[in-house]
C-alpha cells in the first residue's frame, strides 16, 4: 500500500511539474513530499522496500530526457521553419521591390513610346500635307467661319491684340488704316488699304495703284507664339455705295511673309523647298477667306505680310492661325 502511494506521489510530482524528476522525493515524518528535491539514491537507501516505485522513477527520468530531446528537436525544427518564413518574406519583399522598379521602367518606356508616337503622328501629318501639295507652295485648306474665329491668334479681338500692335507701310486715309486689316473687321472700310501708287488714276470704271511696291502690314504678338498658318480676305463690298461694283473690287492675289523672334533682330523670310522666297496664293474675290497652312509651324513674335500681286488696289484683311 505504501509503495502504491509512493508511486502516485512520483507520478503526480512529475505531471504537475512541481519538482524535477527523478529527484522529487523527501522523507518527512514517514511521508513523501515534493517540497524539496533529493537524490534518487538517497531515496533508495532510505526506502529500500519501494523498488517498484524507484524503477518507475528511473523510467520517468528517461521519459523526461526523451521528452526534452523531442522538445529541443521540435524547437530546432520550429526555428528552422521560422527562418524559412523570414527568408520567404525577405524574398517576397525583394521581389516586390524589383517588380516596382521594373514597373517604373515600363512606365518610363511607355511615356517615351508615347512621345515618339506623337512625333511620328506629327511627321505623318506633314507627309500628308506634302502629298496634298500640287506645287512648291504651302497647302491651302478650307476653314469654316467658326473655325477661323476659334483658331485665330487674336487679330479678330481688339482686347487681345491692341491697335498699337498692328502697323503698316502706308494707308489711303484714316478709314483705311492698318489697324482695320483684321479678319472680319467692322470699322472704317473694314480692311487695310495702302496709299495710291505712282501709276494711280481715277476713272469712272477703275481705281488702280499701278507701280506700288514694298508695302507691308505687321502684327506684334508681344511674345513668341507658335503659328501654323495664315488666313487672308479681300476688302468687303460697301453695299451702300452705288459705285462699289466698279472700283471697290480689291484683294491681294499673292504675297510673301516674314517673321522675327523675340530675342533676334534678324528678319526671316518664309522660303520654299528650293530656298527661294515663298509665294503664298491669296484671294480671288472680295469676301472668301483663304487659308494657307505652313509646311512647319513657326514660333515668332512679329509676322509681316508683303503683298505681291493684287486686284485694283492693295486691300486686305488677315489673321494668323494657331490650330
C-alpha atoms as a PDB file:
ATOM      1  CA  UNK A   1       0.000   0.000   0.000  1.00  0.00           C
ATOM      2  CA  UNK A   2       2.830   2.380   0.863  1.00  0.00           C
ATOM      3  CA  UNK A   3       4.640   1.588  -2.364  1.00  0.00           C
ATOM      4  CA  UNK A   4       1.497   2.406  -4.289  1.00  0.00           C
ATOM      5  CA  UNK A   5       1.251   5.775  -2.536  1.00  0.00           C
ATOM      6  CA  UNK A   6       4.890   6.474  -3.300  1.00  0.00           C
ATOM      7  CA  UNK A   7       4.358   5.689  -6.974  1.00  0.00           C
ATOM      8  CA  UNK A   8       1.367   8.019  -7.128  1.00  0.00           C
ATOM      9  CA  UNK A   9       3.380  10.774  -5.481  1.00  0.00           C
ATOM     10  CA  UNK A  10       6.167  10.313  -8.041  1.00  0.00           C
ATOM     11  CA  UNK A  11       3.767  10.433 -10.979  1.00  0.00           C
ATOM     12  CA  UNK A  12       1.905  13.443  -9.637  1.00  0.00           C
ATOM     13  CA  UNK A  13       5.146  15.197  -8.881  1.00  0.00           C
ATOM     14  CA  UNK A  14       6.283  14.787 -12.472  1.00  0.00           C
ATOM     15  CA  UNK A  15       2.951  15.501 -14.184  1.00  0.00           C
ATOM     16  CA  UNK A  16       2.225  18.617 -12.143  1.00  0.00           C
ATOM     17  CA  UNK A  17       5.765  19.901 -12.702  1.00  0.00           C
ATOM     18  CA  UNK A  18       6.252  20.683  -9.053  1.00  0.00           C
ATOM     19  CA  UNK A  19       9.789  19.336  -8.940  1.00  0.00           C
ATOM     20  CA  UNK A  20      12.432  17.751 -11.164  1.00  0.00           C
ATOM     21  CA  UNK A  21      12.274  14.033 -11.996  1.00  0.00           C
ATOM     22  CA  UNK A  22      13.754  11.787 -10.718  1.00  0.00           C
ATOM     23  CA  UNK A  23      14.898  13.958  -7.814  1.00  0.00           C
ATOM     24  CA  UNK A  24      11.484  14.735  -6.350  1.00  0.00           C
ATOM     25  CA  UNK A  25      11.438  12.808  -3.078  1.00  0.00           C
ATOM     26  CA  UNK A  26      11.892  13.651   0.536  1.00  0.00           C
ATOM     27  CA  UNK A  27      11.123  11.683   3.720  1.00  0.00           C
ATOM     28  CA  UNK A  28       9.432  13.806   6.331  1.00  0.00           C
ATOM     29  CA  UNK A  29       7.982  12.087   9.377  1.00  0.00           C
ATOM     30  CA  UNK A  30       7.425   8.959   7.291  1.00  0.00           C
ATOM     31  CA  UNK A  31       5.627  10.801   4.489  1.00  0.00           C
ATOM     32  CA  UNK A  32       6.805  11.707   0.996  1.00  0.00           C
ATOM     33  CA  UNK A  33       6.782  15.388  -0.060  1.00  0.00           C
ATOM     34  CA  UNK A  34       7.654  17.354  -3.192  1.00  0.00           C
ATOM     35  CA  UNK A  35       8.800  20.446  -1.332  1.00  0.00           C
ATOM     36  CA  UNK A  36      12.495  19.831  -1.909  1.00  0.00           C
ATOM     37  CA  UNK A  37      14.446  17.832  -4.473  1.00  0.00           C
ATOM     38  CA  UNK A  38      16.609  14.919  -3.238  1.00  0.00           C
ATOM     39  CA  UNK A  39      18.870  12.424  -4.951  1.00  0.00           C
ATOM     40  CA  UNK A  40      17.256   9.196  -6.124  1.00  0.00           C
ATOM     41  CA  UNK A  41      19.975   7.097  -4.467  1.00  0.00           C
ATOM     42  CA  UNK A  42      19.095   8.732  -1.137  1.00  0.00           C
ATOM     43  CA  UNK A  43      15.505   7.645  -1.627  1.00  0.00           C
ATOM     44  CA  UNK A  44      16.657   4.123  -2.483  1.00  0.00           C
ATOM     45  CA  UNK A  45      18.767   3.902   0.673  1.00  0.00           C
ATOM     46  CA  UNK A  46      16.054   5.459   2.809  1.00  0.00           C
ATOM     47  CA  UNK A  47      13.214   3.385   1.414  1.00  0.00           C
ATOM     48  CA  UNK A  48      14.730   0.086   0.301  1.00  0.00           C
ATOM     49  CA  UNK A  49      11.336  -1.576   0.218  1.00  0.00           C
ATOM     50  CA  UNK A  50       9.977   0.653  -2.552  1.00  0.00           C
ATOM     51  CA  UNK A  51      11.846  -0.908  -5.504  1.00  0.00           C
ATOM     52  CA  UNK A  52       8.784  -0.846  -7.749  1.00  0.00           C
ATOM     53  CA  UNK A  53       8.336   2.894  -7.330  1.00  0.00           C
ATOM     54  CA  UNK A  54      12.060   3.570  -7.734  1.00  0.00           C
ATOM     55  CA  UNK A  55      12.054   1.675 -11.013  1.00  0.00           C
ATOM     56  CA  UNK A  56       9.248   3.869 -12.192  1.00  0.00           C
ATOM     57  CA  UNK A  57      11.221   6.904 -11.058  1.00  0.00           C
ATOM     58  CA  UNK A  58      14.097   5.870 -13.307  1.00  0.00           C
ATOM     59  CA  UNK A  59      11.610   5.299 -16.135  1.00  0.00           C
ATOM     60  CA  UNK A  60      10.243   8.750 -15.614  1.00  0.00           C
ATOM     61  CA  UNK A  61      13.794  10.087 -15.681  1.00  0.00           C
ATOM     62  CA  UNK A  62      14.306   8.504 -19.097  1.00  0.00           C
ATOM     63  CA  UNK A  63      10.912   9.744 -20.204  1.00  0.00           C
ATOM     64  CA  UNK A  64      11.825  13.266 -19.158  1.00  0.00           C
ATOM     65  CA  UNK A  65      15.109  13.134 -21.038  1.00  0.00           C
ATOM     66  CA  UNK A  66      13.379  11.835 -24.166  1.00  0.00           C
ATOM     67  CA  UNK A  67      10.738  14.498 -23.829  1.00  0.00           C
ATOM     68  CA  UNK A  68      13.399  17.144 -23.502  1.00  0.00           C
ATOM     69  CA  UNK A  69      15.182  15.819 -26.592  1.00  0.00           C
ATOM     70  CA  UNK A  70      11.900  15.862 -28.513  1.00  0.00           C
ATOM     71  CA  UNK A  71      11.217  19.365 -27.255  1.00  0.00           C
ATOM     72  CA  UNK A  72      14.661  20.525 -28.330  1.00  0.00           C
ATOM     73  CA  UNK A  73      14.209  18.900 -31.722  1.00  0.00           C
ATOM     74  CA  UNK A  74      10.786  20.483 -32.093  1.00  0.00           C
ATOM     75  CA  UNK A  75      12.196  23.879 -31.118  1.00  0.00           C
ATOM     76  CA  UNK A  76      15.008  23.400 -33.638  1.00  0.00           C
ATOM     77  CA  UNK A  77      12.547  22.496 -36.404  1.00  0.00           C
ATOM     78  CA  UNK A  78      10.328  25.411 -35.388  1.00  0.00           C
ATOM     79  CA  UNK A  79      13.245  27.836 -35.555  1.00  0.00           C
ATOM     80  CA  UNK A  80      14.264  26.417 -38.934  1.00  0.00           C
ATOM     81  CA  UNK A  81      10.738  26.865 -40.290  1.00  0.00           C
ATOM     82  CA  UNK A  82      10.587  30.329 -38.735  1.00  0.00           C
ATOM     83  CA  UNK A  83      13.818  31.213 -40.513  1.00  0.00           C
ATOM     84  CA  UNK A  84      12.407  29.839 -43.780  1.00  0.00           C
ATOM     85  CA  UNK A  85       9.345  32.057 -43.350  1.00  0.00           C
ATOM     86  CA  UNK A  86      11.579  35.047 -42.624  1.00  0.00           C
ATOM     87  CA  UNK A  87      13.657  34.217 -45.719  1.00  0.00           C
ATOM     88  CA  UNK A  88      10.479  33.863 -47.775  1.00  0.00           C
ATOM     89  CA  UNK A  89       9.256  37.260 -46.571  1.00  0.00           C
ATOM     90  CA  UNK A  90      12.619  38.783 -47.455  1.00  0.00           C
ATOM     91  CA  UNK A  91      12.484  37.181 -50.904  1.00  0.00           C
ATOM     92  CA  UNK A  92       8.914  38.421 -51.383  1.00  0.00           C
ATOM     93  CA  UNK A  93       9.933  41.924 -50.299  1.00  0.00           C
ATOM     94  CA  UNK A  94      12.867  41.874 -52.727  1.00  0.00           C
ATOM     95  CA  UNK A  95      10.587  40.572 -55.471  1.00  0.00           C
ATOM     96  CA  UNK A  96       8.067  43.399 -54.964  1.00  0.00           C
ATOM     97  CA  UNK A  97      10.923  45.885 -54.890  1.00  0.00           C
ATOM     98  CA  UNK A  98      12.216  44.563 -58.220  1.00  0.00           C
ATOM     99  CA  UNK A  99       8.645  44.472 -59.528  1.00  0.00           C
ATOM    100  CA  UNK A 100       8.098  48.149 -58.671  1.00  0.00           C
ATOM    101  CA  UNK A 101      11.441  49.083 -60.215  1.00  0.00           C
ATOM    102  CA  UNK A 102      10.554  47.242 -63.427  1.00  0.00           C
ATOM    103  CA  UNK A 103       7.086  48.810 -63.345  1.00  0.00           C
ATOM    104  CA  UNK A 104       8.650  52.275 -63.186  1.00  0.00           C
ATOM    105  CA  UNK A 105      10.963  51.377 -66.062  1.00  0.00           C
ATOM    106  CA  UNK A 106       7.948  50.210 -68.092  1.00  0.00           C
ATOM    107  CA  UNK A 107       6.100  53.463 -67.343  1.00  0.00           C
ATOM    108  CA  UNK A 108       9.122  55.474 -68.480  1.00  0.00           C
ATOM    109  CA  UNK A 109       9.352  53.395 -71.658  1.00  0.00           C
ATOM    110  CA  UNK A 110       5.608  53.832 -72.268  1.00  0.00           C
ATOM    111  CA  UNK A 111       5.969  57.606 -71.911  1.00  0.00           C
ATOM    112  CA  UNK A 112       8.912  57.584 -74.309  1.00  0.00           C
ATOM    113  CA  UNK A 113       6.933  55.464 -76.758  1.00  0.00           C
ATOM    114  CA  UNK A 114       4.009  57.881 -76.420  1.00  0.00           C
ATOM    115  CA  UNK A 115       6.270  60.854 -77.173  1.00  0.00           C
ATOM    116  CA  UNK A 116       7.789  59.054 -80.155  1.00  0.00           C
ATOM    117  CA  UNK A 117       4.301  58.150 -81.388  1.00  0.00           C
ATOM    118  CA  UNK A 118       3.227  61.795 -81.162  1.00  0.00           C
ATOM    119  CA  UNK A 119       6.305  62.850 -83.116  1.00  0.00           C
ATOM    120  CA  UNK A 120       5.595  60.166 -85.707  1.00  0.00           C
ATOM    121  CA  UNK A 121       1.990  61.330 -85.993  1.00  0.00           C
ATOM    122  CA  UNK A 122       3.225  64.895 -86.433  1.00  0.00           C
ATOM    123  CA  UNK A 123       5.605  63.743 -89.156  1.00  0.00           C
ATOM    124  CA  UNK A 124       2.787  61.784 -90.787  1.00  0.00           C
ATOM    125  CA  UNK A 125       0.610  64.896 -90.737  1.00  0.00           C
ATOM    126  CA  UNK A 126       3.335  66.844 -92.534  1.00  0.00           C
ATOM    127  CA  UNK A 127       3.732  63.974 -95.003  1.00  0.00           C
ATOM    128  CA  UNK A 128       0.006  64.196 -95.697  1.00  0.00           C
ATOM    129  CA  UNK A 129       0.325  67.940 -96.229  1.00  0.00           C
ATOM    130  CA  UNK A 130       3.258  67.338 -98.561  1.00  0.00           C
ATOM    131  CA  UNK A 131       1.274  64.838-100.634  1.00  0.00           C
ATOM    132  CA  UNK A 132      -1.634  67.286-100.817  1.00  0.00           C
ATOM    133  CA  UNK A 133       0.553  69.989-102.309  1.00  0.00           C
ATOM    134  CA  UNK A 134       0.408  70.321-106.072  1.00  0.00           C
ATOM    135  CA  UNK A 135       3.293  72.773-106.257  1.00  0.00           C
ATOM    136  CA  UNK A 136       6.083  74.168-104.123  1.00  0.00           C
ATOM    137  CA  UNK A 137       3.718  76.450-102.177  1.00  0.00           C
ATOM    138  CA  UNK A 138       2.094  75.514 -98.906  1.00  0.00           C
ATOM    139  CA  UNK A 139      -1.221  73.705 -98.860  1.00  0.00           C
ATOM    140  CA  UNK A 140      -4.496  75.591 -98.741  1.00  0.00           C
ATOM    141  CA  UNK A 141      -7.332  74.317 -96.560  1.00  0.00           C
ATOM    142  CA  UNK A 142     -10.974  75.191 -96.074  1.00  0.00           C
ATOM    143  CA  UNK A 143     -11.958  76.576 -92.671  1.00  0.00           C
ATOM    144  CA  UNK A 144     -15.485  77.406 -91.594  1.00  0.00           C
ATOM    145  CA  UNK A 145     -16.178  80.810 -90.037  1.00  0.00           C
ATOM    146  CA  UNK A 146     -16.480  79.278 -86.518  1.00  0.00           C
ATOM    147  CA  UNK A 147     -13.123  77.529 -87.053  1.00  0.00           C
ATOM    148  CA  UNK A 148     -11.492  80.788 -88.126  1.00  0.00           C
ATOM    149  CA  UNK A 149     -12.876  82.551 -85.063  1.00  0.00           C
ATOM    150  CA  UNK A 150     -11.698  79.727 -82.790  1.00  0.00           C
ATOM    151  CA  UNK A 151      -8.210  79.283 -84.297  1.00  0.00           C
ATOM    152  CA  UNK A 152      -7.279  82.923 -84.818  1.00  0.00           C
ATOM    153  CA  UNK A 153      -4.318  84.235 -82.820  1.00  0.00           C
ATOM    154  CA  UNK A 154      -6.347  87.233 -81.649  1.00  0.00           C
ATOM    155  CA  UNK A 155      -6.491  89.654 -84.604  1.00  0.00           C
ATOM    156  CA  UNK A 156     -10.290  89.422 -84.522  1.00  0.00           C
ATOM    157  CA  UNK A 157     -10.437  90.622 -80.911  1.00  0.00           C
ATOM    158  CA  UNK A 158      -9.254  94.160 -80.149  1.00  0.00           C
ATOM    159  CA  UNK A 159      -8.961  93.211 -76.483  1.00  0.00           C
ATOM    160  CA  UNK A 160      -6.398  90.502 -77.288  1.00  0.00           C
ATOM    161  CA  UNK A 161      -4.374  92.320 -79.920  1.00  0.00           C
ATOM    162  CA  UNK A 162      -4.459  96.085 -79.481  1.00  0.00           C
ATOM    163  CA  UNK A 163      -4.460  98.527 -82.373  1.00  0.00           C
ATOM    164  CA  UNK A 164      -0.950  99.666 -81.466  1.00  0.00           C
ATOM    165  CA  UNK A 165       0.299  96.145 -82.126  1.00  0.00           C
ATOM    166  CA  UNK A 166      -0.615  96.434 -85.819  1.00  0.00           C
ATOM    167  CA  UNK A 167       1.425  98.648 -88.145  1.00  0.00           C
ATOM    168  CA  UNK A 168       1.631  99.127 -91.903  1.00  0.00           C
ATOM    169  CA  UNK A 169       3.727 100.796 -94.605  1.00  0.00           C
ATOM    170  CA  UNK A 170       1.001 103.236 -95.652  1.00  0.00           C
ATOM    171  CA  UNK A 171      -2.751 103.840 -95.863  1.00  0.00           C
ATOM    172  CA  UNK A 172      -5.154 105.636 -98.148  1.00  0.00           C
ATOM    173  CA  UNK A 173      -6.594 107.618 -95.229  1.00  0.00           C
ATOM    174  CA  UNK A 174      -7.702 107.029 -91.639  1.00  0.00           C
ATOM    175  CA  UNK A 175     -10.639 104.906 -92.803  1.00  0.00           C
ATOM    176  CA  UNK A 176      -8.152 102.523 -94.441  1.00  0.00           C
ATOM    177  CA  UNK A 177      -5.621 102.296 -91.614  1.00  0.00           C
ATOM    178  CA  UNK A 178      -3.602  99.083 -90.958  1.00  0.00           C
ATOM    179  CA  UNK A 179      -5.481  98.527 -87.687  1.00  0.00           C
ATOM    180  CA  UNK A 180      -8.579  97.824 -89.809  1.00  0.00           C
ATOM    181  CA  UNK A 181      -6.776  94.951 -91.537  1.00  0.00           C
ATOM    182  CA  UNK A 182      -8.194  92.427 -89.048  1.00  0.00           C
ATOM    183  CA  UNK A 183     -10.179  89.430 -90.274  1.00  0.00           C
ATOM    184  CA  UNK A 184     -13.928  90.162 -90.016  1.00  0.00           C
ATOM    185  CA  UNK A 185     -13.225  93.841 -89.220  1.00  0.00           C
ATOM    186  CA  UNK A 186     -16.275  96.133 -88.982  1.00  0.00           C
ATOM    187  CA  UNK A 187     -14.648  99.581 -88.594  1.00  0.00           C
ATOM    188  CA  UNK A 188     -13.743 102.027 -91.358  1.00  0.00           C
ATOM    189  CA  UNK A 189     -13.839 100.395 -94.794  1.00  0.00           C
ATOM    190  CA  UNK A 190     -13.422  97.002 -92.986  1.00  0.00           C
ATOM    191  CA  UNK A 191      -9.920  96.451 -94.404  1.00  0.00           C
ATOM    192  CA  UNK A 192      -6.413  97.850 -94.716  1.00  0.00           C
ATOM    193  CA  UNK A 193      -5.800  99.771 -97.957  1.00  0.00           C
ATOM    194  CA  UNK A 194      -2.476 101.331 -98.964  1.00  0.00           C
ATOM    195  CA  UNK A 195      -1.714 104.686-100.473  1.00  0.00           C
ATOM    196  CA  UNK A 196      -2.002 105.116-104.253  1.00  0.00           C
ATOM    197  CA  UNK A 197       0.955 104.163-106.420  1.00  0.00           C
ATOM    198  CA  UNK A 198       2.793 106.251-108.999  1.00  0.00           C
ATOM    199  CA  UNK A 199       0.569 104.857-111.727  1.00  0.00           C
ATOM    200  CA  UNK A 200      -2.594 105.844-109.892  1.00  0.00           C
ATOM    201  CA  UNK A 201      -5.503 107.025-111.978  1.00  0.00           C
ATOM    202  CA  UNK A 202      -9.110 107.521-111.008  1.00  0.00           C
ATOM    203  CA  UNK A 203     -11.789 106.988-113.601  1.00  0.00           C
ATOM    204  CA  UNK A 204     -15.447 106.110-113.551  1.00  0.00           C
ATOM    205  CA  UNK A 205     -14.702 102.448-114.137  1.00  0.00           C
ATOM    206  CA  UNK A 206     -11.485 101.733-112.253  1.00  0.00           C
ATOM    207  CA  UNK A 207      -9.148 102.804-109.479  1.00  0.00           C
ATOM    208  CA  UNK A 208      -5.732 101.310-109.502  1.00  0.00           C
ATOM    209  CA  UNK A 209      -2.405 101.573-107.756  1.00  0.00           C
ATOM    210  CA  UNK A 210      -0.143 100.522-110.601  1.00  0.00           C
ATOM    211  CA  UNK A 211       3.526 100.512-109.649  1.00  0.00           C
ATOM    212  CA  UNK A 212       3.040 100.482-105.869  1.00  0.00           C
ATOM    213  CA  UNK A 213       5.693  98.246-104.253  1.00  0.00           C
ATOM    214  CA  UNK A 214       7.246  97.387-100.925  1.00  0.00           C
ATOM    215  CA  UNK A 215       4.015  97.593 -98.970  1.00  0.00           C
ATOM    216  CA  UNK A 216       3.612  95.583 -95.802  1.00  0.00           C
ATOM    217  CA  UNK A 217       1.485  95.036 -92.714  1.00  0.00           C
ATOM    218  CA  UNK A 218       2.914  93.684 -89.436  1.00  0.00           C
ATOM    219  CA  UNK A 219       1.465  92.355 -86.187  1.00  0.00           C
ATOM    220  CA  UNK A 220       3.426  92.234 -82.917  1.00  0.00           C
ATOM    221  CA  UNK A 221       2.195  89.322 -80.764  1.00  0.00           C
ATOM    222  CA  UNK A 222       4.244  90.622 -77.784  1.00  0.00           C
ATOM    223  CA  UNK A 223       5.827  87.193 -77.247  1.00  0.00           C
ATOM    224  CA  UNK A 224       6.990  84.231 -79.313  1.00  0.00           C
ATOM    225  CA  UNK A 225       3.872  82.341 -80.414  1.00  0.00           C
ATOM    226  CA  UNK A 226       3.501  79.098 -82.366  1.00  0.00           C
ATOM    227  CA  UNK A 227       1.689  79.844 -85.651  1.00  0.00           C
ATOM    228  CA  UNK A 228       0.644  77.140 -88.123  1.00  0.00           C
ATOM    229  CA  UNK A 229      -0.850  79.218 -90.920  1.00  0.00           C
ATOM    230  CA  UNK A 230      -2.353  82.462 -92.193  1.00  0.00           C
ATOM    231  CA  UNK A 231      -5.811  83.452 -93.455  1.00  0.00           C
ATOM    232  CA  UNK A 232      -6.455  86.419 -95.758  1.00  0.00           C
ATOM    233  CA  UNK A 233      -9.526  88.071 -97.216  1.00  0.00           C
ATOM    234  CA  UNK A 234     -10.246  90.973 -99.578  1.00  0.00           C
ATOM    235  CA  UNK A 235     -11.949  94.283 -98.964  1.00  0.00           C
ATOM    236  CA  UNK A 236     -15.631  93.609 -98.200  1.00  0.00           C
ATOM    237  CA  UNK A 237     -18.149  95.306-100.506  1.00  0.00           C
ATOM    238  CA  UNK A 238     -19.754  98.540 -99.338  1.00  0.00           C
ATOM    239  CA  UNK A 239     -23.380  97.774-100.010  1.00  0.00           C
ATOM    240  CA  UNK A 240     -24.477 101.387 -99.568  1.00  0.00           C
ATOM    241  CA  UNK A 241     -22.047 102.666-102.212  1.00  0.00           C
ATOM    242  CA  UNK A 242     -23.572 102.856-105.721  1.00  0.00           C
ATOM    243  CA  UNK A 243     -20.145 102.534-107.308  1.00  0.00           C
ATOM    244  CA  UNK A 244     -18.588  99.720-105.244  1.00  0.00           C
ATOM    245  CA  UNK A 245     -19.023  97.219-108.065  1.00  0.00           C
ATOM    246  CA  UNK A 246     -16.888  99.380-110.295  1.00  0.00           C
ATOM    247  CA  UNK A 247     -13.733 100.091-108.312  1.00  0.00           C
ATOM    248  CA  UNK A 248     -14.006  98.538-104.839  1.00  0.00           C
ATOM    249  CA  UNK A 249     -13.238  95.024-106.019  1.00  0.00           C
ATOM    250  CA  UNK A 250      -9.951  94.897-104.187  1.00  0.00           C
ATOM    251  CA  UNK A 251      -7.945  91.962-102.867  1.00  0.00           C
ATOM    252  CA  UNK A 252      -4.387  90.627-102.704  1.00  0.00           C
ATOM    253  CA  UNK A 253      -3.709  87.801-105.160  1.00  0.00           C
ATOM    254  CA  UNK A 254      -0.253  86.738-103.955  1.00  0.00           C
ATOM    255  CA  UNK A 255       2.018  87.695-101.076  1.00  0.00           C
ATOM    256  CA  UNK A 256       5.162  86.746 -99.191  1.00  0.00           C
ATOM    257  CA  UNK A 257       5.718  86.588 -95.438  1.00  0.00           C
ATOM    258  CA  UNK A 258       8.448  87.339 -92.914  1.00  0.00           C
ATOM    259  CA  UNK A 259       8.850  86.679 -89.209  1.00  0.00           C
ATOM    260  CA  UNK A 260      11.150  87.637 -86.338  1.00  0.00           C
ATOM    261  CA  UNK A 261      11.571  86.079 -82.904  1.00  0.00           C
ATOM    262  CA  UNK A 262      11.541  87.943 -79.611  1.00  0.00           C
ATOM    263  CA  UNK A 263      15.288  87.550 -78.957  1.00  0.00           C
ATOM    264  CA  UNK A 264      16.510  88.167 -82.503  1.00  0.00           C
ATOM    265  CA  UNK A 265      16.914  91.220 -84.709  1.00  0.00           C
ATOM    266  CA  UNK A 266      17.004  89.089 -87.838  1.00  0.00           C
ATOM    267  CA  UNK A 267      14.005  89.234 -90.138  1.00  0.00           C
ATOM    268  CA  UNK A 268      13.415  85.810 -91.700  1.00  0.00           C
ATOM    269  CA  UNK A 269      11.567  85.175 -94.961  1.00  0.00           C
ATOM    270  CA  UNK A 270       9.377  82.143 -95.498  1.00  0.00           C
ATOM    271  CA  UNK A 271      11.257  80.034 -98.056  1.00  0.00           C
ATOM    272  CA  UNK A 272      10.107  77.309-100.425  1.00  0.00           C
ATOM    273  CA  UNK A 273      11.952  73.944-100.761  1.00  0.00           C
ATOM    274  CA  UNK A 274      14.293  75.448-103.357  1.00  0.00           C
ATOM    275  CA  UNK A 275      15.408  78.200-100.976  1.00  0.00           C
ATOM    276  CA  UNK A 276      13.520  80.973-102.772  1.00  0.00           C
ATOM    277  CA  UNK A 277      11.036  83.314-101.120  1.00  0.00           C
ATOM    278  CA  UNK A 278       7.715  81.524-100.651  1.00  0.00           C
ATOM    279  CA  UNK A 279       4.867  82.937-102.724  1.00  0.00           C
ATOM    280  CA  UNK A 280       1.528  82.404-100.987  1.00  0.00           C
ATOM    281  CA  UNK A 281      -1.630  82.188-103.046  1.00  0.00           C
ATOM    282  CA  UNK A 282      -4.079  84.811-101.819  1.00  0.00           C
ATOM    283  CA  UNK A 283      -7.645  85.725-102.689  1.00  0.00           C
ATOM    284  CA  UNK A 284      -9.718  85.588-105.842  1.00  0.00           C
ATOM    285  CA  UNK A 285     -12.710  87.628-104.643  1.00  0.00           C
ATOM    286  CA  UNK A 286     -13.710  90.200-102.049  1.00  0.00           C
ATOM    287  CA  UNK A 287     -15.289  88.025 -99.377  1.00  0.00           C
ATOM    288  CA  UNK A 288     -13.962  84.447 -99.305  1.00  0.00           C
ATOM    289  CA  UNK A 289     -11.247  83.836 -96.675  1.00  0.00           C
ATOM    290  CA  UNK A 290      -8.285  81.812 -97.979  1.00  0.00           C
ATOM    291  CA  UNK A 291      -6.201  79.719 -95.566  1.00  0.00           C
ATOM    292  CA  UNK A 292      -2.546  78.816 -96.152  1.00  0.00           C
ATOM    293  CA  UNK A 293      -1.039  76.216 -93.798  1.00  0.00           C
ATOM    294  CA  UNK A 294       2.731  76.473 -93.312  1.00  0.00           C
ATOM    295  CA  UNK A 295       4.936  73.448 -94.013  1.00  0.00           C
ATOM    296  CA  UNK A 296       6.092  73.631 -90.414  1.00  0.00           C
ATOM    297  CA  UNK A 297       4.755  75.694 -87.511  1.00  0.00           C
ATOM    298  CA  UNK A 298       6.683  78.915 -86.968  1.00  0.00           C
ATOM    299  CA  UNK A 299       7.284  80.277 -83.471  1.00  0.00           C
ATOM    300  CA  UNK A 300       7.939  84.016 -83.519  1.00  0.00           C
ATOM    301  CA  UNK A 301       6.751  87.352 -82.153  1.00  0.00           C
ATOM    302  CA  UNK A 302       6.479  89.523 -85.289  1.00  0.00           C
ATOM    303  CA  UNK A 303       4.779  88.414 -88.520  1.00  0.00           C
ATOM    304  CA  UNK A 304       4.721  90.507 -91.691  1.00  0.00           C
ATOM    305  CA  UNK A 305       2.724  90.148 -94.913  1.00  0.00           C
ATOM    306  CA  UNK A 306       4.125  91.711 -98.105  1.00  0.00           C
ATOM    307  CA  UNK A 307       1.580  91.928-100.988  1.00  0.00           C
ATOM    308  CA  UNK A 308       2.996  90.993-104.397  1.00  0.00           C
ATOM    309  CA  UNK A 309       0.094  90.955-106.826  1.00  0.00           C
ATOM    310  CA  UNK A 310      -3.377  92.412-106.261  1.00  0.00           C
ATOM    311  CA  UNK A 311      -6.668  93.254-107.897  1.00  0.00           C
ATOM    312  CA  UNK A 312      -7.211  97.007-108.410  1.00  0.00           C
ATOM    313  CA  UNK A 313      -5.785  98.063-105.038  1.00  0.00           C
ATOM    314  CA  UNK A 314      -3.786  96.614-102.159  1.00  0.00           C
ATOM    315  CA  UNK A 315      -6.608  95.981 -99.703  1.00  0.00           C
ATOM    316  CA  UNK A 316      -6.845  93.070 -97.317  1.00  0.00           C
ATOM    317  CA  UNK A 317      -7.825  91.506 -94.005  1.00  0.00           C
ATOM    318  CA  UNK A 318      -5.797  88.804 -92.269  1.00  0.00           C
ATOM    319  CA  UNK A 319      -5.286  86.686 -89.169  1.00  0.00           C
ATOM    320  CA  UNK A 320      -2.719  84.133 -88.022  1.00  0.00           C
ATOM    321  CA  UNK A 321      -3.794  80.602 -87.069  1.00  0.00           C
ATOM    322  CA  UNK A 322      -2.830  78.613 -84.014  1.00  0.00           C
ATOM    323  CA  UNK A 323      -4.891  75.492 -84.820  1.00  0.00           C
END
